[in-house]
Structures are given as structure tokens and as C-alpha cells.
């Protein structure tokens, strides 16, 4: 379950820790399991989360469901925005179910736009997809009817679309998740319910395995997406004086155009090179070197591509640098910013900011690179973990780990900007102020990122054997 959600969210949709993902949570098994699995994905470098709950006010118990959803979010440290509607009033030609869906979608669009989220995740799973395909075919849809719902349409993300309902319910039971069952799911008044409870069991009796066959047909009908290069702005890449960003756009078009202006790469890329690049983009790899003709190297990370003369690795710093608050410090890897924020500040919710408890007045703040023996306490299991292993788990690639900035208090690691905060230094719920730590990674030339500070290491760059 968790692997499926991670693949859909990070690998397929390309969302990372710098993105904010809204999660539509109704309180039912599908959405509660989705939230739980997304929290696990966040611990592996997935996006920050904000829950959206819409109370249809369909039944008397809906207010209690909303309270339980709020309580579950508080227990997991997830921000939530909710709205309660008047009883749905259908427009002309609408059913009650269609009116409720319209109001819910309107809320998700409005709330998502206000929060500036990258996607809105919903709990649609494989059984929902089969029902949708059958409904589309019954309406007389063309070849596109077989496609059903898309896993990622650029706004709505459906990470459970390959997971069956029984798997969702088993996961919810094993994890002891608080869930509510909507009584509207059992009434035969709605067409989808009759398809679920009457038509699909009949088809499964006539053609055993029909649900899997329909899901497979939907996957085959989906058009193949053209590989796209994402913007390198805001993405940390290995440091090198010669590095250049490949602009965002269709892979073959933008990479060929970049190589034509290079002057050193006269040979065209072969199909093996294109396949390797396409695979790196499709997998949304955390960091992969790909050798190109003419002695050039491409580094693919989070769907962005940088071009290099050599494979390189960020070096460790020889010593730590003292910090004060507030301050902005220019490092080889980018600009580190520290400041105090009030709990009323909306900036608390930004995924690019790490929040810590305000340190004691006599504490010594500093920044350095990782050292052997560094350990941080995980907020997931409460145990102290080796920092090197945490960096690997949080998708920090090997080429970047040695030069990763680590904020310390009295020389003890408390925060890796954009990666992890030590659980012992999380701000308490009643904090009047917090210490906010953020990092703007040094932009690559031609990436159209804001400049104005040092973007390359002041010392030599370590070159790896190719």
C-alpha cells in the first residue's frame, strides 16, 4: 500500500518535499488510508500535506465525522481546512448526488488554489476505476471511455488507483485507523451503487477476473505521455563551475537545443541515451548520472536535468560556521535563512520551511556538513537514527550527501534544511514563537532562478572516476 502511494506520488507525479499536496479526507476508509500512506511517503522525501474536509451535511452523524477527521489530523501534526455545506440543492437536471459532488469539487478547487498546492489527492481506488469504466461504456463513450480516471491529470492525483478496495480495508484494519462508512454507499438509489453491488458481482460470476481485465484495458487505453523535463529552479544539483540547466519542456526538443549551443558535443544522442533519460524522468529519480556522447554527463533529479563535463560530488566543509538569528548566510550550496516567526504567520505551512523550538539564549547555533556519528531522533518511531542513513532514506543522493548543510545547536545536529528536523527540537503546540530555517539552493545557469549570491564552491570540486 505504502509503496503504491509513494510510487504514484513521488515517482509518477514527481512531487517532492518542496511541494504541498492537499489531501481530500472524508473520514471513510479510502481517504484515511490515503492520508496514512502519504504520511509514510513524506518520511521518504514525499510532499508536505494539508488535509481538506468537506462536510456534505447529508446525515446527522456528519458533524461527528468532521470532528474525528480534525482529531486525526491534530494527532498526526497535519494542518486541515474544512467547510460545512447546507444540504445540497440540486440545479435543474442534477441529482442530489451530482449536486453534492459539484459542491465538494468547488470547495477543493477554492481551498487548493488558496493554499497554492501542487495537486489535490483523492482516495479513488481500483474498484472505483472499474465502476467508472463501466459507466462510461454504458453511456456510449468512445475509445477514451476505457481510460476511466487518470492517476494524475495535473490537478487531481489518485495514488490508490491501482489498489483494490479489499486491500484498502485490510490496511485500515491492520493500522487501526478511525474510519466512518457513508450510509449513502449502500442505497440502491444511486446508479454507481447498483453497478458496485449488482452488476459487477454478476459480471464476475459470468467472467471470473473481469475487474482485473477492465482495469488492465483501461491502462492499455491510456495514451503514453511525452517525457518532459521540469524546471531546475529550486532543485539542489551537484556543484560544478561548468554546470548548466536544461530548460523545461519536451525532452528531445529542449535537450537537443541545449546540446546544439554547447559546441563540444558534436555527436547525436543514440536511442540508448534517450531510453536512459526517459527512464530517469519517468522514475522521478532522486539523482542519476547518465553519460552522453562527447564526454558530457547529464544529472537527472526530480525531473530536472543538469549538464556537466564530469561526474562530481559536493565536498565536505573543513569547519562549521557560526549562526545568529535573524540572519542569511551564503553557502556554496545556496542561501541559508534563519528567523523567528509568530504562530499566527501563514508561513508556518510552507513546505520549504523547517520549524524548530526557539533555542536557549546561551545555545550556540552553527552550520556544517555531516560528520560520522551524527544522529537525529525520528518523529515517526521516536528512535535516534544515523544521519547518513536518514539522508539516503529522504532521497538525498550520494553526490550531494557530503556537502549537505546541517544546522547544529551546541554542535549537535538539529535540522537538515529541506530534509528532516530532530524530533526533540519540534516546537511545542503552545509555542509563542518558533525558529524557521529555510534554504534556497544555488541556481544553475540558464535556469532563470534568482541570483545575487555565490553559486559555486569557493574551493575545489571533487571529481569522481568515470
Protein backbone atom coordinates (compact mmCIF):
# COMPACT_ATOMS: atom_id res chain seq x y z
CA UNK A 1 0.00 0.00 0.00
CA UNK A 2 2.67 2.47 1.04
CA UNK A 3 4.89 1.60 -1.91
CA UNK A 4 1.99 2.09 -4.34
CA UNK A 5 1.21 5.52 -2.88
CA UNK A 6 4.88 6.50 -2.86
CA UNK A 7 5.34 5.48 -6.50
CA UNK A 8 2.23 7.35 -7.63
CA UNK A 9 3.06 10.49 -5.65
CA UNK A 10 6.83 10.78 -5.95
CA UNK A 11 7.77 8.65 -8.95
CA UNK A 12 4.81 9.28 -11.28
CA UNK A 13 3.50 12.71 -10.23
CA UNK A 14 7.02 13.95 -9.43
CA UNK A 15 6.14 15.57 -6.09
CA UNK A 16 8.95 16.10 -3.59
CA UNK A 17 9.47 17.64 -0.17
CA UNK A 18 9.34 21.15 -1.64
CA UNK A 19 5.74 20.61 -2.84
CA UNK A 20 2.49 20.96 -0.89
CA UNK A 21 -0.15 18.30 -1.52
CA UNK A 22 -3.78 18.75 -0.43
CA UNK A 23 -5.46 15.51 0.67
CA UNK A 24 -9.25 15.25 0.37
CA UNK A 25 -10.26 13.32 3.51
CA UNK A 26 -13.91 12.39 4.01
CA UNK A 27 -13.30 10.11 7.00
CA UNK A 28 -14.01 6.92 5.04
CA UNK A 29 -11.55 4.01 4.72
CA UNK A 30 -10.18 5.12 1.33
CA UNK A 31 -9.24 8.66 2.36
CA UNK A 32 -7.97 7.72 5.84
CA UNK A 33 -5.73 5.02 4.36
CA UNK A 34 -4.53 7.50 1.73
CA UNK A 35 -3.59 10.03 4.41
CA UNK A 36 -1.75 7.40 6.46
CA UNK A 37 0.23 6.18 3.42
CA UNK A 38 1.04 9.75 2.34
CA UNK A 39 2.43 10.47 5.80
CA UNK A 40 4.74 7.48 5.31
CA UNK A 41 5.68 8.83 1.86
CA UNK A 42 6.53 12.19 3.44
CA UNK A 43 9.10 10.41 5.61
CA UNK A 44 10.71 9.13 2.39
CA UNK A 45 11.05 12.58 0.84
CA UNK A 46 7.46 12.96 -0.36
CA UNK A 47 5.45 16.20 -0.32
CA UNK A 48 4.18 18.19 2.65
CA UNK A 49 0.47 17.61 3.36
CA UNK A 50 -2.63 19.72 4.07
CA UNK A 51 -5.97 17.99 4.64
CA UNK A 52 -9.22 19.29 3.09
CA UNK A 53 -12.50 18.04 4.58
CA UNK A 54 -15.94 18.87 3.16
CA UNK A 55 -18.99 18.09 5.29
CA UNK A 56 -21.95 17.47 2.98
CA UNK A 57 -24.36 17.55 5.94
CA UNK A 58 -26.14 14.57 4.37
CA UNK A 59 -26.85 12.80 7.63
CA UNK A 60 -27.00 13.61 11.34
CA UNK A 61 -23.64 11.99 12.04
CA UNK A 62 -21.66 14.10 9.55
CA UNK A 63 -20.61 16.63 12.23
CA UNK A 64 -19.16 13.80 14.34
CA UNK A 65 -17.23 12.55 11.30
CA UNK A 66 -15.78 16.04 10.80
CA UNK A 67 -14.68 16.17 14.46
CA UNK A 68 -12.97 12.79 14.14
CA UNK A 69 -11.14 13.89 10.99
CA UNK A 70 -9.94 17.04 12.78
CA UNK A 71 -8.77 14.95 15.76
CA UNK A 72 -6.90 12.51 13.50
CA UNK A 73 -5.11 15.41 11.78
CA UNK A 74 -4.11 17.00 15.08
CA UNK A 75 -2.74 13.68 16.31
CA UNK A 76 -0.60 13.39 13.18
CA UNK A 77 0.52 17.03 13.04
CA UNK A 78 -1.23 17.75 9.74
CA UNK A 79 -2.90 21.10 9.00
CA UNK A 80 -6.57 20.92 7.99
CA UNK A 81 -9.09 23.18 6.28
CA UNK A 82 -12.77 22.21 6.42
CA UNK A 83 -16.13 23.53 5.27
CA UNK A 84 -19.70 22.52 6.11
CA UNK A 85 -22.33 22.91 3.42
CA UNK A 86 -26.04 23.44 3.60
CA UNK A 87 -27.96 20.42 2.39
CA UNK A 88 -27.23 20.10 -1.35
CA UNK A 89 -29.79 21.89 -3.51
CA UNK A 90 -29.61 20.34 -6.99
CA UNK A 91 -29.59 22.62 -10.01
CA UNK A 92 -32.01 21.90 -12.81
CA UNK A 93 -31.28 18.46 -14.27
CA UNK A 94 -28.98 17.49 -11.37
CA UNK A 95 -29.44 14.62 -8.97
CA UNK A 96 -28.74 15.05 -5.27
CA UNK A 97 -25.52 13.09 -5.71
CA UNK A 98 -24.39 15.32 -8.60
CA UNK A 99 -25.11 18.45 -6.54
CA UNK A 100 -23.04 17.14 -3.63
CA UNK A 101 -20.17 16.29 -5.98
CA UNK A 102 -20.30 19.77 -7.53
CA UNK A 103 -20.15 21.47 -4.11
CA UNK A 104 -17.30 19.23 -2.98
CA UNK A 105 -15.25 19.84 -6.13
CA UNK A 106 -15.83 23.58 -5.85
CA UNK A 107 -14.50 23.53 -2.27
CA UNK A 108 -11.43 21.51 -3.26
CA UNK A 109 -10.65 23.91 -6.13
CA UNK A 110 -11.07 27.01 -3.98
CA UNK A 111 -9.14 25.71 -0.99
CA UNK A 112 -6.39 24.20 -3.16
CA UNK A 113 -5.91 27.45 -5.07
CA UNK A 114 -5.75 29.50 -1.86
CA UNK A 115 -3.13 27.17 -0.39
CA UNK A 116 -1.12 27.06 -3.63
CA UNK A 117 -0.95 23.27 -3.65
CA UNK A 118 0.75 21.26 -6.39
CA UNK A 119 -2.09 18.68 -6.51
CA UNK A 120 -5.23 17.59 -4.68
CA UNK A 121 -5.07 13.88 -3.77
CA UNK A 122 -8.27 11.84 -3.59
CA UNK A 123 -8.93 8.30 -2.35
CA UNK A 124 -10.28 6.80 -5.58
CA UNK A 125 -9.11 3.19 -5.84
CA UNK A 126 -9.15 0.37 -8.41
CA UNK A 127 -12.77 -0.69 -7.78
CA UNK A 128 -13.86 2.93 -8.35
CA UNK A 129 -11.95 2.88 -11.63
CA UNK A 130 -13.72 -0.28 -12.81
CA UNK A 131 -17.11 1.24 -11.94
CA UNK A 132 -16.20 4.43 -13.82
CA UNK A 133 -15.15 2.49 -16.94
CA UNK A 134 -18.43 0.55 -16.95
CA UNK A 135 -20.45 3.76 -16.53
CA UNK A 136 -18.52 5.43 -19.37
CA UNK A 137 -19.14 2.45 -21.68
CA UNK A 138 -22.84 2.34 -20.75
CA UNK A 139 -23.14 6.00 -21.79
CA UNK A 140 -21.78 5.12 -25.23
CA UNK A 141 -18.35 6.69 -24.85
CA UNK A 142 -15.67 6.20 -27.50
CA UNK A 143 -12.21 4.68 -27.06
CA UNK A 144 -11.41 7.23 -24.37
CA UNK A 145 -14.22 5.77 -22.22
CA UNK A 146 -11.93 2.86 -21.35
CA UNK A 147 -9.38 5.21 -19.82
CA UNK A 148 -11.61 6.00 -16.83
CA UNK A 149 -9.99 8.32 -14.30
CA UNK A 150 -6.39 9.41 -14.77
CA UNK A 151 -3.91 8.76 -12.00
CA UNK A 152 -2.56 12.30 -12.42
CA UNK A 153 -4.30 14.89 -14.57
CA UNK A 154 -2.14 17.80 -13.44
CA UNK A 155 -4.53 18.86 -10.66
CA UNK A 156 -6.15 15.74 -9.18
CA UNK A 157 -3.86 12.93 -8.03
CA UNK A 158 -5.28 9.45 -7.30
CA UNK A 159 -2.45 7.47 -5.65
CA UNK A 160 -4.70 4.46 -4.80
CA UNK A 161 -5.92 3.91 -8.34
CA UNK A 162 -4.08 0.58 -8.66
CA UNK A 163 -5.11 -0.67 -5.19
CA UNK A 164 -8.29 -2.73 -4.64
CA UNK A 165 -10.93 -1.89 -2.05
CA UNK A 166 -10.32 -5.07 -0.05
CA UNK A 167 -6.63 -4.14 0.24
CA UNK A 168 -7.58 -0.70 1.49
CA UNK A 169 -9.92 -2.14 4.13
CA UNK A 170 -7.30 -4.68 5.24
CA UNK A 171 -4.72 -1.91 5.64
CA UNK A 172 -7.17 0.21 7.65
CA UNK A 173 -7.85 -2.74 9.97
CA UNK A 174 -4.18 -3.57 10.49
CA UNK A 175 -3.32 0.08 11.17
CA UNK A 176 -6.40 0.52 13.45
CA UNK A 177 -7.36 3.69 11.56
CA UNK A 178 -10.51 5.54 12.70
CA UNK A 179 -12.88 5.30 9.72
CA UNK A 180 -16.55 6.03 9.03
CA UNK A 181 -18.73 4.37 6.43
CA UNK A 182 -21.02 6.70 4.45
CA UNK A 183 -24.57 5.22 4.58
CA UNK A 184 -25.17 6.64 1.10
CA UNK A 185 -22.77 4.00 -0.30
CA UNK A 186 -25.35 1.26 0.31
CA UNK A 187 -28.54 2.77 -1.05
CA UNK A 188 -29.73 1.47 -4.47
CA UNK A 189 -30.98 4.97 -5.31
CA UNK A 190 -27.61 5.79 -6.89
CA UNK A 191 -26.53 4.21 -10.17
CA UNK A 192 -22.93 3.69 -9.11
CA UNK A 193 -24.10 1.68 -6.07
CA UNK A 194 -26.14 -0.65 -8.26
CA UNK A 195 -23.14 -1.15 -10.54
CA UNK A 196 -21.00 -1.90 -7.47
CA UNK A 197 -23.39 -4.25 -5.68
CA UNK A 198 -25.32 -5.83 -8.57
CA UNK A 199 -23.66 -5.52 -12.00
CA UNK A 200 -20.01 -6.21 -11.12
CA UNK A 201 -20.77 -9.33 -9.00
CA UNK A 202 -22.89 -10.64 -11.89
CA UNK A 203 -20.13 -9.97 -14.45
CA UNK A 204 -17.58 -11.57 -12.13
CA UNK A 205 -19.78 -14.67 -11.95
CA UNK A 206 -20.02 -14.86 -15.75
CA UNK A 207 -16.41 -13.80 -16.47
CA UNK A 208 -14.21 -14.53 -13.42
CA UNK A 209 -11.50 -11.89 -13.17
CA UNK A 210 -13.48 -9.29 -15.13
CA UNK A 211 -12.50 -6.48 -12.74
CA UNK A 212 -8.78 -7.02 -13.34
CA UNK A 213 -9.40 -7.31 -17.08
CA UNK A 214 -11.27 -3.99 -17.18
CA UNK A 215 -8.57 -2.28 -15.14
CA UNK A 216 -5.89 -3.66 -17.48
CA UNK A 217 -7.87 -2.49 -20.53
CA UNK A 218 -8.08 1.00 -19.02
CA UNK A 219 -4.33 1.08 -18.56
CA UNK A 220 -3.72 -0.01 -22.17
CA UNK A 221 -6.12 2.66 -23.46
CA UNK A 222 -4.31 5.48 -21.66
CA UNK A 223 -2.10 7.47 -24.08
CA UNK A 224 1.64 7.37 -23.48
CA UNK A 225 2.83 10.64 -22.01
CA UNK A 226 5.64 12.51 -23.75
CA UNK A 227 8.72 12.72 -21.48
CA UNK A 228 9.00 16.24 -20.10
CA UNK A 229 11.94 17.99 -18.43
CA UNK A 230 10.98 20.01 -15.36
CA UNK A 231 12.41 23.33 -14.23
CA UNK A 232 15.66 23.16 -12.27
CA UNK A 233 14.70 26.18 -10.20
CA UNK A 234 14.61 25.34 -6.51
CA UNK A 235 16.23 21.92 -7.02
CA UNK A 236 19.60 21.17 -5.50
CA UNK A 237 22.11 19.85 -8.04
CA UNK A 238 25.81 18.91 -7.64
CA UNK A 239 28.13 21.92 -7.67
CA UNK A 240 30.50 22.47 -10.60
CA UNK A 241 31.70 25.63 -12.40
CA UNK A 242 30.60 24.23 -15.78
CA UNK A 243 27.10 23.04 -14.87
CA UNK A 244 24.14 24.17 -16.96
CA UNK A 245 20.41 23.58 -16.66
CA UNK A 246 18.38 22.02 -19.45
CA UNK A 247 15.28 24.24 -19.86
CA UNK A 248 11.85 22.83 -19.05
CA UNK A 249 9.92 21.29 -21.94
CA UNK A 250 9.71 18.16 -24.13
CA UNK A 251 12.83 16.08 -23.52
CA UNK A 252 14.14 15.63 -27.06
CA UNK A 253 13.40 19.21 -28.10
CA UNK A 254 14.99 21.03 -25.15
CA UNK A 255 17.98 18.71 -24.75
CA UNK A 256 18.85 18.79 -28.47
CA UNK A 257 18.57 22.59 -28.46
CA UNK A 258 20.84 22.83 -25.41
CA UNK A 259 23.45 20.47 -26.87
CA UNK A 260 23.46 22.37 -30.19
CA UNK A 261 24.62 25.50 -28.35
CA UNK A 262 27.27 23.58 -26.44
CA UNK A 263 29.95 23.50 -29.13
CA UNK A 264 31.65 20.46 -27.58
CA UNK A 265 29.01 17.81 -28.27
CA UNK A 266 29.02 17.10 -32.00
CA UNK A 267 27.64 13.56 -31.86
CA UNK A 268 23.91 12.99 -31.69
CA UNK A 269 22.36 11.01 -28.88
CA UNK A 270 21.54 7.38 -29.64
CA UNK A 271 18.41 5.53 -28.60
CA UNK A 272 20.20 4.04 -25.58
CA UNK A 273 20.84 7.57 -24.29
CA UNK A 274 17.21 8.61 -24.85
CA UNK A 275 15.92 5.48 -23.12
CA UNK A 276 18.12 6.12 -20.09
CA UNK A 277 16.99 9.76 -19.91
CA UNK A 278 13.32 8.84 -20.35
CA UNK A 279 13.59 6.21 -17.62
CA UNK A 280 15.19 8.72 -15.24
CA UNK A 281 12.39 11.23 -15.87
CA UNK A 282 9.63 8.63 -15.63
CA UNK A 283 11.03 7.27 -12.34
CA UNK A 284 11.49 10.80 -10.96
CA UNK A 285 14.83 9.59 -9.71
CA UNK A 286 16.43 11.17 -6.65
CA UNK A 287 19.68 11.52 -8.61
CA UNK A 288 21.19 9.62 -11.53
CA UNK A 289 24.23 10.20 -13.76
CA UNK A 290 23.82 9.43 -17.48
CA UNK A 291 26.84 9.54 -19.80
CA UNK A 292 26.28 11.36 -23.09
CA UNK A 293 28.42 11.45 -26.27
CA UNK A 294 31.34 13.87 -26.43
CA UNK A 295 32.41 13.37 -22.83
CA UNK A 296 29.33 15.09 -21.39
CA UNK A 297 27.26 13.93 -18.40
CA UNK A 298 23.61 14.53 -17.59
CA UNK A 299 22.42 14.55 -13.98
CA UNK A 300 18.69 13.84 -13.63
CA UNK A 301 16.95 14.69 -10.37
CA UNK A 302 13.29 15.37 -9.60
CA UNK A 303 12.55 15.54 -13.34
CA UNK A 304 15.14 18.28 -13.89
CA UNK A 305 18.37 17.76 -15.86
CA UNK A 306 21.75 19.44 -15.44
CA UNK A 307 24.68 19.07 -17.88
CA UNK A 308 28.25 18.58 -16.64
CA UNK A 309 31.76 17.99 -18.03
CA UNK A 310 32.45 15.39 -15.33
CA UNK A 311 30.69 13.42 -12.65
CA UNK A 312 31.18 15.42 -9.46
CA UNK A 313 30.34 15.21 -5.77
CA UNK A 314 29.78 18.08 -3.34
CA UNK A 315 32.74 18.29 -0.91
CA UNK A 316 32.58 18.47 2.87
CA UNK A 317 33.40 21.81 4.51
CA UNK A 318 36.55 21.92 6.62
CA UNK A 319 34.85 23.68 9.57
CA UNK A 320 31.47 24.86 10.86
CA UNK A 321 30.20 28.44 10.57
CA UNK A 322 28.51 30.23 13.48
CA UNK A 323 24.92 31.44 13.00
CA UNK A 324 22.77 34.14 14.55
CA UNK A 325 19.04 34.84 14.37
CA UNK A 326 17.88 36.51 12.21
CA UNK A 327 20.47 36.00 9.53
CA UNK A 328 21.06 34.99 5.90
CA UNK A 329 24.21 33.03 5.18
CA UNK A 330 25.64 32.44 1.72
CA UNK A 331 26.99 28.92 1.37
CA UNK A 332 28.41 27.14 -1.66
CA UNK A 333 25.18 25.15 -1.94
CA UNK A 334 22.88 28.17 -1.62
CA UNK A 335 21.48 30.69 0.84
CA UNK A 336 20.52 29.63 4.38
CA UNK A 337 17.97 31.82 6.16
CA UNK A 338 17.08 31.80 9.88
CA UNK A 339 14.38 33.90 11.53
CA UNK A 340 11.81 33.87 14.30
CA UNK A 341 8.14 33.57 13.35
CA UNK A 342 4.91 34.04 15.25
CA UNK A 343 2.49 31.07 15.38
CA UNK A 344 -0.05 33.27 13.56
CA UNK A 345 2.16 33.54 10.49
CA UNK A 346 0.86 31.65 7.46
CA UNK A 347 4.48 30.89 6.52
CA UNK A 348 4.38 28.06 9.04
CA UNK A 349 2.55 25.93 6.49
CA UNK A 350 5.08 26.41 3.69
CA UNK A 351 6.78 23.11 2.76
CA UNK A 352 10.11 24.91 2.19
CA UNK A 353 10.40 25.95 5.86
CA UNK A 354 11.60 23.77 8.74
CA UNK A 355 10.29 24.83 12.16
CA UNK A 356 12.21 24.33 15.43
CA UNK A 357 11.66 25.28 19.04
CA UNK A 358 13.41 28.53 19.98
CA UNK A 359 16.83 27.55 21.40
CA UNK A 360 18.02 28.80 24.82
CA UNK A 361 19.77 32.21 24.84
CA UNK A 362 23.17 30.66 25.59
CA UNK A 363 22.89 28.00 22.85
CA UNK A 364 25.48 28.09 20.07
CA UNK A 365 23.95 27.87 16.59
CA UNK A 366 26.13 26.79 13.67
CA UNK A 367 26.01 25.13 10.26
CA UNK A 368 28.36 22.45 8.95
CA UNK A 369 28.35 19.31 6.83
CA UNK A 370 27.58 15.78 8.14
CA UNK A 371 30.11 14.01 10.33
CA UNK A 372 30.45 10.33 11.27
CA UNK A 373 28.38 9.60 14.35
CA UNK A 374 25.74 12.30 13.72
CA UNK A 375 22.30 11.12 14.86
CA UNK A 376 18.79 12.59 14.89
CA UNK A 377 15.59 11.42 16.56
CA UNK A 378 12.80 10.42 14.17
CA UNK A 379 9.30 11.81 14.75
CA UNK A 380 7.88 8.56 13.29
CA UNK A 381 9.28 5.95 15.67
CA UNK A 382 10.89 8.14 18.35
CA UNK A 383 14.27 6.45 17.87
CA UNK A 384 17.63 8.05 17.13
CA UNK A 385 18.91 7.23 13.65
CA UNK A 386 22.25 7.61 11.93
CA UNK A 387 22.15 10.80 9.86
CA UNK A 388 23.81 9.18 6.83
CA UNK A 389 21.02 6.58 6.69
CA UNK A 390 18.33 9.25 7.13
CA UNK A 391 19.75 11.22 4.20
CA UNK A 392 19.59 8.13 1.99
CA UNK A 393 16.03 7.40 3.10
CA UNK A 394 14.95 11.00 2.45
CA UNK A 395 16.13 10.83 -1.17
CA UNK A 396 19.33 12.85 -0.79
CA UNK A 397 21.57 11.31 -3.50
CA UNK A 398 25.15 10.23 -2.96
CA UNK A 399 26.56 13.14 -5.00
CA UNK A 400 25.04 15.64 -2.52
CA UNK A 401 25.28 13.98 0.90
CA UNK A 402 28.81 15.01 1.93
CA UNK A 403 28.10 18.71 1.24
CA UNK A 404 24.63 18.80 2.82
CA UNK A 405 24.15 21.74 5.25
CA UNK A 406 23.39 20.61 8.82
CA UNK A 407 22.19 23.15 11.40
CA UNK A 408 23.53 22.37 14.87
CA UNK A 409 22.92 23.56 18.44
CA UNK A 410 25.99 23.16 20.63
CA UNK A 411 27.45 21.04 17.80
CA UNK A 412 24.55 18.55 17.93
CA UNK A 413 22.57 18.17 14.65
CA UNK A 414 19.00 19.51 14.95
CA UNK A 415 17.96 20.19 11.35
CA UNK A 416 18.86 19.37 7.77
CA UNK A 417 17.07 22.08 5.74
CA UNK A 418 14.54 20.62 3.36
CA UNK A 419 15.07 17.11 4.74
CA UNK A 420 14.49 16.47 8.46
CA UNK A 421 14.16 18.08 11.90
CA UNK A 422 15.20 16.31 15.10
CA UNK A 423 12.02 15.32 16.97
CA UNK A 424 13.44 16.65 20.26
CA UNK A 425 13.51 20.15 18.76
CA UNK A 426 9.99 20.35 17.30
CA UNK A 427 8.16 23.45 18.58
CA UNK A 428 5.57 22.71 21.31
CA UNK A 429 1.86 23.23 20.45
CA UNK A 430 1.65 26.28 22.76
CA UNK A 431 4.80 27.96 21.42
CA UNK A 432 4.65 31.76 21.18
CA UNK A 433 7.46 31.79 18.62
CA UNK A 434 9.40 29.32 16.51
CA UNK A 435 12.74 29.24 14.76
CA UNK A 436 12.20 28.99 10.99
CA UNK A 437 15.01 27.55 8.84
CA UNK A 438 14.88 27.64 5.05
CA UNK A 439 17.31 27.03 2.21
CA UNK A 440 17.33 28.42 -1.33
CA UNK A 441 19.56 26.19 -3.40
CA UNK A 442 22.13 27.79 -5.69
CA UNK A 443 20.58 28.16 -9.16
CA UNK A 444 22.04 26.59 -12.26
CA UNK A 445 23.00 28.96 -15.09
CA UNK A 446 20.19 29.37 -17.65
CA UNK A 447 17.65 28.13 -15.07
CA UNK A 448 16.08 31.61 -14.73
CA UNK A 449 16.45 31.40 -10.96
CA UNK A 450 17.11 34.50 -8.79
CA UNK A 451 20.81 35.14 -8.44
CA UNK A 452 22.72 37.69 -6.42
CA UNK A 453 24.82 35.36 -4.29
CA UNK A 454 27.60 32.79 -4.53
CA UNK A 455 26.52 29.79 -6.59
CA UNK A 456 29.75 27.84 -6.86
CA UNK A 457 32.11 26.36 -4.24
CA UNK A 458 34.99 28.60 -3.21
CA UNK A 459 37.28 25.56 -3.05
CA UNK A 460 37.95 22.73 -5.47
CA UNK A 461 35.19 20.39 -6.65
CA UNK A 462 35.76 16.70 -6.13
CA UNK A 463 35.68 14.83 -9.45
CA UNK A 464 34.75 11.14 -9.42
CA UNK A 465 36.29 8.50 -11.63
CA UNK A 466 34.09 7.94 -14.68
